[in-house]
Amino acid sequence: MLKATLKSWFVLIFIAILLFSCKEESKKTIATESIDFTHEGDLTIFSSTSDIIKAKFNIEFAESDYETQTGLMYRKGMDNNQGMLFIFPNERMHSFYMKNTEFPLDIIYIKENLKIASFQENAQPLNEAGLSSQVPIKYVLEVNAGLVQELGLSTGDSINFNRK
């Protein structure tokens, strides 16, 4: 009888060890701080054929190396009246990608003379393919996807911006 009891205890302990060792590890999530939009200036887009205002945006500037490399990464989105203006030291070809960018964008490439040179519409989230300006540019404005078409923007339209 002692042998049977010991055997039963051994079986129970073995089953308990199996159950606890097979327990699925809880998934660990890393929380990142949300990055809020900072209204640093205003940008206006004018029609190329008249002085009609096509759009106005509250903008955040990306000028330092860190700001231009990070851009709108790690953000959940932005309002339709918001955008990020990248300012480069000189006019040249530039390429952007959507790495770690969680929402679709329209990318507006702007020449040194403040005229729109080209667009990349509906750039897809998290896509790491290069999105070239196609021509030398000095500025880039990123806005929510669909706004280029909705606002009727075209190459040759001009911008004006100022800091708060």
Protein backbone atom coordinates (compact mmCIF):
# COMPACT_ATOMS: atom_id res chain seq x y z
CA MET A 1 0.00 0.00 0.00
CA LEU A 2 2.88 2.38 0.77
CA LYS A 3 4.31 1.61 -2.65
CA ALA A 4 0.98 2.41 -4.34
CA THR A 5 0.67 5.71 -2.39
CA LEU A 6 4.20 6.75 -3.28
CA LYS A 7 3.55 5.87 -6.90
CA SER A 8 0.34 7.94 -6.88
CA TRP A 9 2.18 10.91 -5.35
CA PHE A 10 4.95 10.58 -7.89
CA VAL A 11 2.39 10.58 -10.75
CA LEU A 12 0.60 13.63 -9.28
CA ILE A 13 3.85 15.55 -8.82
CA PHE A 14 4.93 14.63 -12.34
CA ILE A 15 1.60 15.85 -13.80
CA ALA A 16 1.83 19.08 -11.77
CA ILE A 17 5.35 19.72 -13.02
CA LEU A 18 4.22 19.13 -16.60
CA LEU A 19 1.26 21.48 -16.24
CA PHE A 20 3.33 24.30 -14.76
CA SER A 21 6.23 23.86 -17.16
CA CYS A 22 3.90 23.94 -20.19
CA LYS A 23 2.30 27.16 -19.05
CA GLU A 24 2.45 29.65 -21.90
CA GLU A 25 4.64 32.64 -21.19
CA SER A 26 2.66 35.83 -21.12
CA LYS A 27 3.56 38.09 -24.00
CA LYS A 28 5.58 41.08 -23.00
CA THR A 29 4.75 44.37 -24.67
CA ILE A 30 7.01 47.35 -24.69
CA ALA A 31 5.09 50.55 -24.19
CA THR A 32 6.43 53.55 -26.05
CA GLU A 33 5.50 57.09 -25.19
CA SER A 34 3.14 58.64 -27.67
CA ILE A 35 4.61 61.56 -29.55
CA ASP A 36 2.28 64.54 -29.69
CA PHE A 37 2.15 67.09 -32.48
CA THR A 38 3.93 70.34 -31.66
CA HIS A 39 2.55 73.38 -33.50
CA GLU A 40 5.76 75.23 -34.41
CA GLY A 41 4.57 77.25 -37.40
CA ASP A 42 2.06 77.76 -40.19
CA LEU A 43 2.21 76.86 -43.87
CA THR A 44 -0.02 78.07 -46.70
CA ILE A 45 -0.28 76.56 -50.19
CA PHE A 46 -1.22 78.92 -53.04
CA SER A 47 -2.50 78.08 -56.52
CA SER A 48 0.05 78.36 -59.32
CA THR A 49 -2.41 80.28 -61.49
CA SER A 50 -3.57 82.88 -58.93
CA ASP A 51 -3.12 83.97 -55.34
CA ILE A 52 -5.95 81.71 -54.24
CA ILE A 53 -5.17 79.81 -51.03
CA LYS A 54 -5.61 76.07 -51.53
CA ALA A 55 -4.71 74.98 -48.00
CA LYS A 56 -3.38 76.04 -44.61
CA PHE A 57 -1.53 73.74 -42.22
CA ASN A 58 -0.21 73.90 -38.69
CA ILE A 59 3.28 72.49 -39.07
CA GLU A 60 6.01 70.91 -37.07
CA PHE A 61 9.55 71.42 -38.37
CA ALA A 62 12.12 68.68 -39.03
CA GLU A 63 15.55 70.28 -39.39
CA SER A 64 18.12 68.47 -37.25
CA ASP A 65 19.57 65.13 -38.37
CA TYR A 66 17.53 63.32 -35.71
CA GLU A 67 14.28 65.09 -36.66
CA THR A 68 14.73 64.44 -40.38
CA GLN A 69 15.62 60.78 -39.82
CA THR A 70 12.70 60.20 -37.44
CA GLY A 71 10.01 62.38 -39.05
CA LEU A 72 6.54 61.07 -38.20
CA MET A 73 7.72 57.63 -37.06
CA TYR A 74 6.08 56.09 -34.00
CA ARG A 75 3.01 58.33 -34.17
CA LYS A 76 -0.55 57.08 -34.42
CA GLY A 77 -1.68 59.84 -36.79
CA MET A 78 -2.30 63.56 -37.09
CA ASP A 79 -5.18 65.90 -37.86
CA ASN A 80 -5.89 66.91 -41.47
CA ASN A 81 -4.79 70.50 -40.76
CA GLN A 82 -1.38 69.32 -39.53
CA GLY A 83 1.83 68.47 -41.36
CA MET A 84 5.57 68.12 -40.95
CA LEU A 85 7.92 70.33 -42.97
CA PHE A 86 11.42 68.99 -43.59
CA ILE A 87 14.03 71.65 -44.33
CA PHE A 88 17.31 70.54 -45.90
CA PRO A 89 20.50 72.62 -46.05
CA ASN A 90 20.59 72.64 -49.85
CA GLU A 91 18.60 71.61 -52.88
CA ARG A 92 19.31 68.06 -54.06
CA MET A 93 17.60 64.74 -54.72
CA HIS A 94 15.99 63.26 -51.60
CA SER A 95 14.34 59.94 -50.91
CA PHE A 96 11.92 59.10 -48.10
CA TYR A 97 10.53 55.84 -46.75
CA MET A 98 7.75 54.86 -44.37
CA LYS A 99 9.74 52.75 -41.91
CA ASN A 100 8.04 52.83 -38.48
CA THR A 101 5.40 55.25 -39.81
CA GLU A 102 2.03 53.86 -38.80
CA PHE A 103 -0.36 55.81 -41.03
CA PRO A 104 -0.43 56.63 -44.78
CA LEU A 105 0.97 59.93 -46.01
CA ASP A 106 1.10 62.19 -49.03
CA ILE A 107 4.66 63.44 -49.46
CA ILE A 108 4.99 66.81 -51.20
CA TYR A 109 8.44 67.62 -52.61
CA ILE A 110 9.19 71.36 -52.85
CA LYS A 111 11.97 73.22 -54.68
CA GLU A 112 14.14 75.94 -53.15
CA ASN A 113 11.95 78.58 -54.87
CA LEU A 114 9.02 77.26 -52.72
CA LYS A 115 7.17 75.69 -55.67
CA ILE A 116 5.83 72.15 -55.53
CA ALA A 117 8.01 69.92 -57.72
CA SER A 118 6.48 66.46 -57.28
CA PHE A 119 4.32 64.25 -55.06
CA GLN A 120 4.26 60.78 -53.62
CA GLU A 121 0.61 60.14 -52.88
CA ASN A 122 -0.68 57.53 -50.45
CA ALA A 123 2.69 56.28 -49.18
CA GLN A 124 1.87 53.09 -47.31
CA PRO A 125 2.60 52.59 -43.59
CA LEU A 126 5.73 50.65 -42.63
CA ASN A 127 6.89 50.32 -46.26
CA GLU A 128 10.67 50.68 -46.47
CA ALA A 129 10.86 51.20 -50.24
CA GLY A 130 12.55 54.47 -51.23
CA LEU A 131 10.23 57.26 -52.43
CA SER A 132 12.34 59.61 -54.54
CA SER A 133 11.68 63.29 -55.12
CA GLN A 134 12.51 62.68 -58.83
CA VAL A 135 14.07 66.19 -59.00
CA PRO A 136 16.33 68.21 -56.69
CA ILE A 137 14.32 69.73 -53.81
CA LYS A 138 14.98 71.60 -50.56
CA TYR A 139 11.73 71.03 -48.64
CA VAL A 140 9.32 68.18 -48.03
CA LEU A 141 5.84 68.50 -46.57
CA GLU A 142 4.21 65.35 -45.17
CA VAL A 143 0.44 65.39 -44.74
CA ASN A 144 -2.28 62.78 -44.32
CA ALA A 145 -2.83 60.55 -47.35
CA GLY A 146 -5.51 61.75 -49.74
CA LEU A 147 -5.06 65.47 -49.08
CA VAL A 148 -3.09 66.16 -52.29
CA GLN A 149 -6.06 64.99 -54.34
CA GLU A 150 -8.73 66.40 -52.00
CA LEU A 151 -7.15 69.87 -52.05
CA GLY A 152 -6.43 69.77 -55.79
CA LEU A 153 -2.70 70.43 -55.34
CA SER A 154 -0.52 70.46 -58.44
CA THR A 155 3.10 70.92 -59.40
CA GLY A 156 3.87 74.61 -59.64
CA ASP A 157 1.66 75.54 -56.68
CA SER A 158 3.69 77.51 -54.15
CA ILE A 159 4.05 77.51 -50.40
CA ASN A 160 4.80 80.08 -47.74
CA PHE A 161 5.65 79.22 -44.15
CA ASN A 162 6.55 80.95 -40.90
CA ARG A 163 7.49 80.03 -37.37
CA LYS A 164 5.26 80.73 -34.39
